[in-house]
Amino acid sequence: MRPSENILQFLPVAVIVFDGTGRFCYANDFACKLFSIDSRKAQGIMYHLLLPDLNMANCSPNPGAQAQDLPGKPLAHLHDGKIVLTRQRQKLFCRSLSLPNENSHGEQVVLLVEDMNDNSNLAGRVLEEERLMGVTEISNTMAHKLNQYLQVIMGYISLMTLEMEAEHQCYDYLNKILEQLENIRATTYMLSNIHRYAIIERPDGRRMFDLDMAAEEYAALNFK
């Protein structure tokens, strides 16, 4: 293994190297796992055949096209970085770099790919922060509005219980309502203290925001 490949092997990002014509040369372990690439079998395969989802607008209309049929430099459309959604619903941040080839004349194209659903890398953390920001903006608004309504409802019910004898048949019912309103108020407090993005998968396939998980630290401190 060359020194450069030895360094790339341990980077926390998928790295795939193509020659100047777009033929596969090398992929680190991260990339092999992310794209299910067998490095030995992939040798010499064109990038648009190996990674069709990343080829985007630069794709040749002919699946059997040779390298010279592809316009421009391989993966030049990813030079500035793009978010790509693959057919497997992977959300990837992809960037290509052109580097001198250390063994021969010409250039190599290095493709750097980060899985945005993997929180161990920078792209994943950025996406997580963006999601969390959107959730907290909505949840803070909802909590504020609901608390306003709850204050009015709880205020009127409290006045009714003060004017009512404990033996009255509605007294217990009103207290039960107050208990449930307190539970709602506790939930609005959790909405105001979300500190992470958390999703739960329902048996029917629907995805829902997991409020208990998202506010678990707050809940542990305040609702023991």
C-alpha atoms as a PDB file:
ATOM      1  CA  MET A   1       0.000   0.000   0.000  1.00  0.00           C
ATOM      2  CA  ARG A   2       1.366   3.427  -0.960  1.00  0.00           C
ATOM      3  CA  PRO A   3       1.853   6.055   1.802  1.00  0.00           C
ATOM      4  CA  SER A   4      -1.035   8.144   0.449  1.00  0.00           C
ATOM      5  CA  GLU A   5      -3.378   5.135   0.509  1.00  0.00           C
ATOM      6  CA  ASN A   6      -2.244   4.293   4.019  1.00  0.00           C
ATOM      7  CA  ILE A   7      -3.281   7.785   5.147  1.00  0.00           C
ATOM      8  CA  LEU A   8      -6.620   7.698   3.302  1.00  0.00           C
ATOM      9  CA  GLN A   9      -7.444   4.315   4.807  1.00  0.00           C
ATOM     10  CA  PHE A  10      -8.002   5.794   8.264  1.00  0.00           C
ATOM     11  CA  LEU A  11      -9.875   8.970   7.380  1.00  0.00           C
ATOM     12  CA  PRO A  12     -13.420   9.149   8.880  1.00  0.00           C
ATOM     13  CA  VAL A  13     -14.851   9.822   5.422  1.00  0.00           C
ATOM     14  CA  ALA A  14     -15.411   7.732   2.290  1.00  0.00           C
ATOM     15  CA  VAL A  15     -12.551   8.272  -0.179  1.00  0.00           C
ATOM     16  CA  ILE A  16     -12.625   6.952  -3.751  1.00  0.00           C
ATOM     17  CA  VAL A  17      -9.826   7.651  -6.256  1.00  0.00           C
ATOM     18  CA  PHE A  18     -10.281   7.613 -10.046  1.00  0.00           C
ATOM     19  CA  ASP A  19      -7.700   8.238 -12.749  1.00  0.00           C
ATOM     20  CA  GLY A  20      -7.958  11.209 -15.096  1.00  0.00           C
ATOM     21  CA  THR A  21     -10.346   9.353 -17.392  1.00  0.00           C
ATOM     22  CA  GLY A  22     -12.698   8.394 -14.548  1.00  0.00           C
ATOM     23  CA  ARG A  23     -11.640   4.769 -14.020  1.00  0.00           C
ATOM     24  CA  PHE A  24     -11.643   3.378 -10.480  1.00  0.00           C
ATOM     25  CA  CYS A  25      -8.245   3.095  -8.781  1.00  0.00           C
ATOM     26  CA  TYR A  26      -8.774   2.917  -5.026  1.00  0.00           C
ATOM     27  CA  ALA A  27     -11.354   3.142  -2.199  1.00  0.00           C
ATOM     28  CA  ASN A  28     -10.764   3.145   1.552  1.00  0.00           C
ATOM     29  CA  ASP A  29     -12.670   0.825   3.897  1.00  0.00           C
ATOM     30  CA  PHE A  30     -15.235   3.523   4.714  1.00  0.00           C
ATOM     31  CA  ALA A  31     -16.115   3.903   1.013  1.00  0.00           C
ATOM     32  CA  CYS A  32     -16.192   0.146   0.384  1.00  0.00           C
ATOM     33  CA  LYS A  33     -18.731  -0.297   3.174  1.00  0.00           C
ATOM     34  CA  LEU A  34     -20.816   2.741   2.235  1.00  0.00           C
ATOM     35  CA  PHE A  35     -21.163   1.765  -1.455  1.00  0.00           C
ATOM     36  CA  SER A  36     -20.629  -2.023  -1.172  1.00  0.00           C
ATOM     37  CA  ILE A  37     -17.539  -1.819  -3.385  1.00  0.00           C
ATOM     38  CA  ASP A  38     -15.159  -4.737  -3.894  1.00  0.00           C
ATOM     39  CA  SER A  39     -11.880  -2.938  -4.678  1.00  0.00           C
ATOM     40  CA  ARG A  40     -10.439  -5.829  -6.684  1.00  0.00           C
ATOM     41  CA  LYS A  41     -13.518  -6.296  -8.880  1.00  0.00           C
ATOM     42  CA  ALA A  42     -13.994  -2.537  -9.302  1.00  0.00           C
ATOM     43  CA  GLN A  43     -10.548  -1.887 -10.796  1.00  0.00           C
ATOM     44  CA  GLY A  44     -10.847  -0.009 -14.087  1.00  0.00           C
ATOM     45  CA  ILE A  45     -14.633   0.466 -13.919  1.00  0.00           C
ATOM     46  CA  MET A  46     -15.831   3.904 -14.978  1.00  0.00           C
ATOM     47  CA  TYR A  47     -17.141   6.120 -12.192  1.00  0.00           C
ATOM     48  CA  HIS A  48     -20.562   6.598 -13.844  1.00  0.00           C
ATOM     49  CA  LEU A  49     -21.074   2.813 -13.824  1.00  0.00           C
ATOM     50  CA  LEU A  50     -19.675   2.249 -10.345  1.00  0.00           C
ATOM     51  CA  LEU A  51     -21.573   5.145  -8.716  1.00  0.00           C
ATOM     52  CA  PRO A  52     -24.537   5.974 -11.001  1.00  0.00           C
ATOM     53  CA  ASP A  53     -26.402   7.945  -8.314  1.00  0.00           C
ATOM     54  CA  LEU A  54     -23.512  10.397  -7.933  1.00  0.00           C
ATOM     55  CA  ASN A  55     -23.059  11.020 -11.637  1.00  0.00           C
ATOM     56  CA  MET A  56     -26.126  13.298 -11.797  1.00  0.00           C
ATOM     57  CA  ALA A  57     -26.192  15.748 -14.735  1.00  0.00           C
ATOM     58  CA  ASN A  58     -22.801  14.580 -16.006  1.00  0.00           C
ATOM     59  CA  CYS A  59     -24.109  11.084 -16.842  1.00  0.00           C
ATOM     60  CA  SER A  60     -23.622   9.632 -20.289  1.00  0.00           C
ATOM     61  CA  PRO A  61     -26.936   8.620 -21.960  1.00  0.00           C
ATOM     62  CA  ASN A  62     -25.243   5.439 -23.167  1.00  0.00           C
ATOM     63  CA  PRO A  63     -24.484   2.957 -20.320  1.00  0.00           C
ATOM     64  CA  GLY A  64     -21.698   1.420 -22.388  1.00  0.00           C
ATOM     65  CA  ALA A  65     -20.025   4.712 -23.259  1.00  0.00           C
ATOM     66  CA  GLN A  66     -16.264   5.015 -23.119  1.00  0.00           C
ATOM     67  CA  ALA A  67     -14.448   7.658 -21.086  1.00  0.00           C
ATOM     68  CA  GLN A  68     -13.881   9.953 -24.068  1.00  0.00           C
ATOM     69  CA  ASP A  69     -17.653  10.123 -24.610  1.00  0.00           C
ATOM     70  CA  LEU A  70     -18.178  11.846 -21.250  1.00  0.00           C
ATOM     71  CA  PRO A  71     -18.029  15.662 -21.406  1.00  0.00           C
ATOM     72  CA  GLY A  72     -15.617  17.530 -19.118  1.00  0.00           C
ATOM     73  CA  LYS A  73     -13.533  16.132 -16.289  1.00  0.00           C
ATOM     74  CA  PRO A  74     -14.847  13.173 -14.286  1.00  0.00           C
ATOM     75  CA  LEU A  75     -17.099  14.280 -11.409  1.00  0.00           C
ATOM     76  CA  ALA A  76     -16.317  17.967 -12.081  1.00  0.00           C
ATOM     77  CA  HIS A  77     -19.938  18.770 -11.181  1.00  0.00           C
ATOM     78  CA  LEU A  78     -19.115  17.804  -7.575  1.00  0.00           C
ATOM     79  CA  HIS A  79     -16.119  20.140  -7.321  1.00  0.00           C
ATOM     80  CA  ASP A  80     -17.981  22.641  -5.117  1.00  0.00           C
ATOM     81  CA  GLY A  81     -19.798  19.942  -3.159  1.00  0.00           C
ATOM     82  CA  LYS A  82     -23.380  18.719  -3.510  1.00  0.00           C
ATOM     83  CA  ILE A  83     -25.928  16.825  -1.440  1.00  0.00           C
ATOM     84  CA  VAL A  84     -26.998  13.679  -3.290  1.00  0.00           C
ATOM     85  CA  LEU A  85     -29.942  11.428  -2.434  1.00  0.00           C
ATOM     86  CA  THR A  86     -29.309   7.900  -3.706  1.00  0.00           C
ATOM     87  CA  ARG A  87     -31.852   5.290  -4.733  1.00  0.00           C
ATOM     88  CA  GLN A  88     -31.214   3.591  -1.375  1.00  0.00           C
ATOM     89  CA  ARG A  89     -32.377   6.816   0.347  1.00  0.00           C
ATOM     90  CA  GLN A  90     -28.854   7.640   1.474  1.00  0.00           C
ATOM     91  CA  LYS A  91     -28.286  11.365   1.877  1.00  0.00           C
ATOM     92  CA  LEU A  92     -24.658  12.020   0.996  1.00  0.00           C
ATOM     93  CA  PHE A  93     -22.473  15.117   0.846  1.00  0.00           C
ATOM     94  CA  CYS A  94     -20.063  14.654  -2.068  1.00  0.00           C
ATOM     95  CA  ARG A  95     -17.039  16.689  -3.143  1.00  0.00           C
ATOM     96  CA  SER A  96     -14.439  15.950  -5.833  1.00  0.00           C
ATOM     97  CA  LEU A  97     -10.824  17.097  -5.895  1.00  0.00           C
ATOM     98  CA  SER A  98      -8.290  16.942  -8.725  1.00  0.00           C
ATOM     99  CA  LEU A  99      -4.802  15.927  -7.602  1.00  0.00           C
ATOM    100  CA  PRO A 100      -1.546  15.132  -9.430  1.00  0.00           C
ATOM    101  CA  ASN A 101      -0.981  11.414  -9.978  1.00  0.00           C
ATOM    102  CA  GLU A 102       2.123  10.449  -8.009  1.00  0.00           C
ATOM    103  CA  ASN A 103       3.004   7.499 -10.282  1.00  0.00           C
ATOM    104  CA  SER A 104       2.300   8.799 -13.775  1.00  0.00           C
ATOM    105  CA  HIS A 105       1.485  11.893 -15.754  1.00  0.00           C
ATOM    106  CA  GLY A 106      -1.986  13.396 -15.626  1.00  0.00           C
ATOM    107  CA  GLU A 107      -4.397  13.865 -12.756  1.00  0.00           C
ATOM    108  CA  GLN A 108      -6.364  11.771 -10.326  1.00  0.00           C
ATOM    109  CA  VAL A 109      -9.884  12.588  -9.149  1.00  0.00           C
ATOM    110  CA  VAL A 110     -10.483  12.084  -5.444  1.00  0.00           C
ATOM    111  CA  LEU A 111     -14.118  11.792  -4.396  1.00  0.00           C
ATOM    112  CA  LEU A 112     -14.881  12.533  -0.733  1.00  0.00           C
ATOM    113  CA  VAL A 113     -18.279  11.362   0.514  1.00  0.00           C
ATOM    114  CA  GLU A 114     -19.903  11.831   3.910  1.00  0.00           C
ATOM    115  CA  ASP A 115     -23.082  10.038   4.986  1.00  0.00           C
ATOM    116  CA  MET A 116     -25.342  12.793   6.326  1.00  0.00           C
ATOM    117  CA  ASN A 117     -27.291  10.270   8.409  1.00  0.00           C
ATOM    118  CA  ASP A 118     -24.116   9.269  10.242  1.00  0.00           C
ATOM    119  CA  ASN A 119     -23.576  11.571  13.231  1.00  0.00           C
ATOM    120  CA  SER A 120     -19.943  10.524  13.557  1.00  0.00           C
ATOM    121  CA  ASN A 121     -18.922  12.801  10.670  1.00  0.00           C
ATOM    122  CA  LEU A 122     -19.179  16.537  10.092  1.00  0.00           C
ATOM    123  CA  ALA A 123     -21.911  16.415   7.436  1.00  0.00           C
ATOM    124  CA  GLY A 124     -24.071  14.262   9.690  1.00  0.00           C
ATOM    125  CA  ARG A 125     -23.642  16.644  12.611  1.00  0.00           C
ATOM    126  CA  VAL A 126     -24.493  19.662  10.427  1.00  0.00           C
ATOM    127  CA  LEU A 127     -27.688  17.967   9.221  1.00  0.00           C
ATOM    128  CA  GLU A 128     -28.542  17.001  12.793  1.00  0.00           C
ATOM    129  CA  GLU A 129     -28.144  20.611  13.943  1.00  0.00           C
ATOM    130  CA  GLU A 130     -30.307  21.876  11.065  1.00  0.00           C
ATOM    131  CA  ARG A 131     -33.041  19.370  11.918  1.00  0.00           C
ATOM    132  CA  LEU A 132     -32.845  20.226  15.602  1.00  0.00           C
ATOM    133  CA  MET A 133     -33.063  23.958  14.875  1.00  0.00           C
ATOM    134  CA  GLY A 134     -36.265  23.461  12.861  1.00  0.00           C
ATOM    135  CA  VAL A 135     -37.814  21.241  15.535  1.00  0.00           C
ATOM    136  CA  THR A 136     -36.993  23.607  18.410  1.00  0.00           C
ATOM    137  CA  GLU A 137     -38.403  26.632  16.568  1.00  0.00           C
ATOM    138  CA  ILE A 138     -41.722  24.832  16.065  1.00  0.00           C
ATOM    139  CA  SER A 139     -41.795  23.229  19.528  1.00  0.00           C
ATOM    140  CA  ASN A 140     -41.041  26.503  21.323  1.00  0.00           C
ATOM    141  CA  THR A 141     -43.887  28.198  19.455  1.00  0.00           C
ATOM    142  CA  MET A 142     -46.295  25.355  20.239  1.00  0.00           C
ATOM    143  CA  ALA A 143     -45.284  25.304  23.907  1.00  0.00           C
ATOM    144  CA  HIS A 144     -45.811  29.059  24.228  1.00  0.00           C
ATOM    145  CA  LYS A 145     -49.270  28.942  22.613  1.00  0.00           C
ATOM    146  CA  LEU A 146     -50.443  25.888  24.560  1.00  0.00           C
ATOM    147  CA  ASN A 147     -49.324  27.372  27.873  1.00  0.00           C
ATOM    148  CA  GLN A 148     -51.408  30.459  27.212  1.00  0.00           C
ATOM    149  CA  TYR A 149     -54.526  28.344  26.633  1.00  0.00           C
ATOM    150  CA  LEU A 150     -53.769  26.094  29.614  1.00  0.00           C
ATOM    151  CA  GLN A 151     -53.449  29.024  31.992  1.00  0.00           C
ATOM    152  CA  VAL A 152     -56.933  30.237  31.094  1.00  0.00           C
ATOM    153  CA  ILE A 153     -58.557  26.777  31.314  1.00  0.00           C
ATOM    154  CA  MET A 154     -56.802  25.852  34.577  1.00  0.00           C
ATOM    155  CA  GLY A 155     -57.663  29.225  36.052  1.00  0.00           C
ATOM    156  CA  TYR A 156     -61.397  28.796  35.437  1.00  0.00           C
ATOM    157  CA  ILE A 157     -61.419  25.201  36.701  1.00  0.00           C
ATOM    158  CA  SER A 158     -59.582  26.235  39.859  1.00  0.00           C
ATOM    159  CA  LEU A 159     -62.175  28.967  40.500  1.00  0.00           C
ATOM    160  CA  MET A 160     -64.978  26.435  40.058  1.00  0.00           C
ATOM    161  CA  THR A 161     -63.454  24.017  42.574  1.00  0.00           C
ATOM    162  CA  LEU A 162     -62.981  26.829  45.113  1.00  0.00           C
ATOM    163  CA  GLU A 163     -66.690  27.631  44.935  1.00  0.00           C
ATOM    164  CA  MET A 164     -67.717  23.975  45.101  1.00  0.00           C
ATOM    165  CA  GLU A 165     -68.144  21.708  48.099  1.00  0.00           C
ATOM    166  CA  ALA A 166     -65.828  18.676  48.162  1.00  0.00           C
ATOM    167  CA  GLU A 167     -68.904  16.450  48.313  1.00  0.00           C
ATOM    168  CA  HIS A 168     -70.270  17.797  45.039  1.00  0.00           C
ATOM    169  CA  GLN A 169     -70.458  15.115  42.323  1.00  0.00           C
ATOM    170  CA  CYS A 170     -68.495  17.281  39.864  1.00  0.00           C
ATOM    171  CA  TYR A 171     -65.681  18.104  42.310  1.00  0.00           C
ATOM    172  CA  ASP A 172     -63.725  14.908  41.620  1.00  0.00           C
ATOM    173  CA  TYR A 173     -64.256  15.234  37.891  1.00  0.00           C
ATOM    174  CA  LEU A 174     -62.824  18.751  37.877  1.00  0.00           C
ATOM    175  CA  ASN A 175     -59.772  17.614  39.819  1.00  0.00           C
ATOM    176  CA  LYS A 176     -59.234  14.791  37.332  1.00  0.00           C
ATOM    177  CA  ILE A 177     -59.336  17.355  34.539  1.00  0.00           C
ATOM    178  CA  LEU A 178     -56.793  19.484  36.404  1.00  0.00           C
ATOM    179  CA  GLU A 179     -54.492  16.463  36.745  1.00  0.00           C
ATOM    180  CA  GLN A 180     -54.580  15.860  33.002  1.00  0.00           C
ATOM    181  CA  LEU A 181     -54.013  19.549  32.294  1.00  0.00           C
ATOM    182  CA  GLU A 182     -50.934  19.366  34.516  1.00  0.00           C
ATOM    183  CA  ASN A 183     -49.706  16.468  32.372  1.00  0.00           C
ATOM    184  CA  ILE A 184     -50.211  18.599  29.279  1.00  0.00           C
ATOM    185  CA  ARG A 185     -48.291  21.443  30.896  1.00  0.00           C
ATOM    186  CA  ALA A 186     -45.440  19.042  31.741  1.00  0.00           C
ATOM    187  CA  THR A 187     -45.364  18.040  28.063  1.00  0.00           C
ATOM    188  CA  THR A 188     -45.140  21.689  26.989  1.00  0.00           C
ATOM    189  CA  TYR A 189     -42.155  22.093  29.321  1.00  0.00           C
ATOM    190  CA  MET A 190     -40.519  19.162  27.532  1.00  0.00           C
ATOM    191  CA  LEU A 191     -41.272  20.830  24.194  1.00  0.00           C
ATOM    192  CA  SER A 192     -39.369  23.868  25.436  1.00  0.00           C
ATOM    193  CA  ASN A 193     -36.352  21.770  26.455  1.00  0.00           C
ATOM    194  CA  ILE A 194     -35.570  19.631  23.433  1.00  0.00           C
ATOM    195  CA  HIS A 195     -31.813  19.131  23.184  1.00  0.00           C
ATOM    196  CA  ARG A 196     -31.479  16.468  20.473  1.00  0.00           C
ATOM    197  CA  TYR A 197     -33.158  15.193  17.292  1.00  0.00           C
ATOM    198  CA  ALA A 198     -34.767  11.779  17.847  1.00  0.00           C
ATOM    199  CA  ILE A 199     -37.086   9.720  15.633  1.00  0.00           C
ATOM    200  CA  ILE A 200     -39.108   6.621  16.458  1.00  0.00           C
ATOM    201  CA  GLU A 201     -40.310   4.139  13.833  1.00  0.00           C
ATOM    202  CA  ARG A 202     -43.903   2.969  14.336  1.00  0.00           C
ATOM    203  CA  PRO A 203     -44.943  -0.607  13.489  1.00  0.00           C
ATOM    204  CA  ASP A 204     -47.025   0.755  10.599  1.00  0.00           C
ATOM    205  CA  GLY A 205     -43.901   2.339   9.078  1.00  0.00           C
ATOM    206  CA  ARG A 206     -44.639   5.947  10.050  1.00  0.00           C
ATOM    207  CA  ARG A 207     -41.817   8.023  11.515  1.00  0.00           C
ATOM    208  CA  MET A 208     -42.611  10.197  14.546  1.00  0.00           C
ATOM    209  CA  PHE A 209     -40.565  12.610  16.608  1.00  0.00           C
ATOM    210  CA  ASP A 210     -39.566  10.949  19.900  1.00  0.00           C
ATOM    211  CA  LEU A 211     -40.212  13.693  22.459  1.00  0.00           C
ATOM    212  CA  ASP A 212     -39.270  11.531  25.438  1.00  0.00           C
ATOM    213  CA  MET A 213     -35.883  10.748  23.939  1.00  0.00           C
ATOM    214  CA  ALA A 214     -35.300  14.290  22.669  1.00  0.00           C
ATOM    215  CA  ALA A 215     -35.898  15.782  26.137  1.00  0.00           C
ATOM    216  CA  GLU A 216     -34.726  12.838  28.251  1.00  0.00           C
ATOM    217  CA  GLU A 217     -32.092  14.818  30.207  1.00  0.00           C
ATOM    218  CA  TYR A 218     -34.658  17.447  31.153  1.00  0.00           C
ATOM    219  CA  ALA A 219     -37.215  14.778  32.055  1.00  0.00           C
ATOM    220  CA  ALA A 220     -34.683  12.922  34.235  1.00  0.00           C
ATOM    221  CA  LEU A 221     -34.001  16.070  36.228  1.00  0.00           C
ATOM    222  CA  ASN A 222     -37.553  17.315  36.622  1.00  0.00           C
ATOM    223  CA  PHE A 223     -39.998  14.423  36.487  1.00  0.00           C
ATOM    224  CA  LYS A 224     -38.507  11.782  38.803  1.00  0.00           C
END
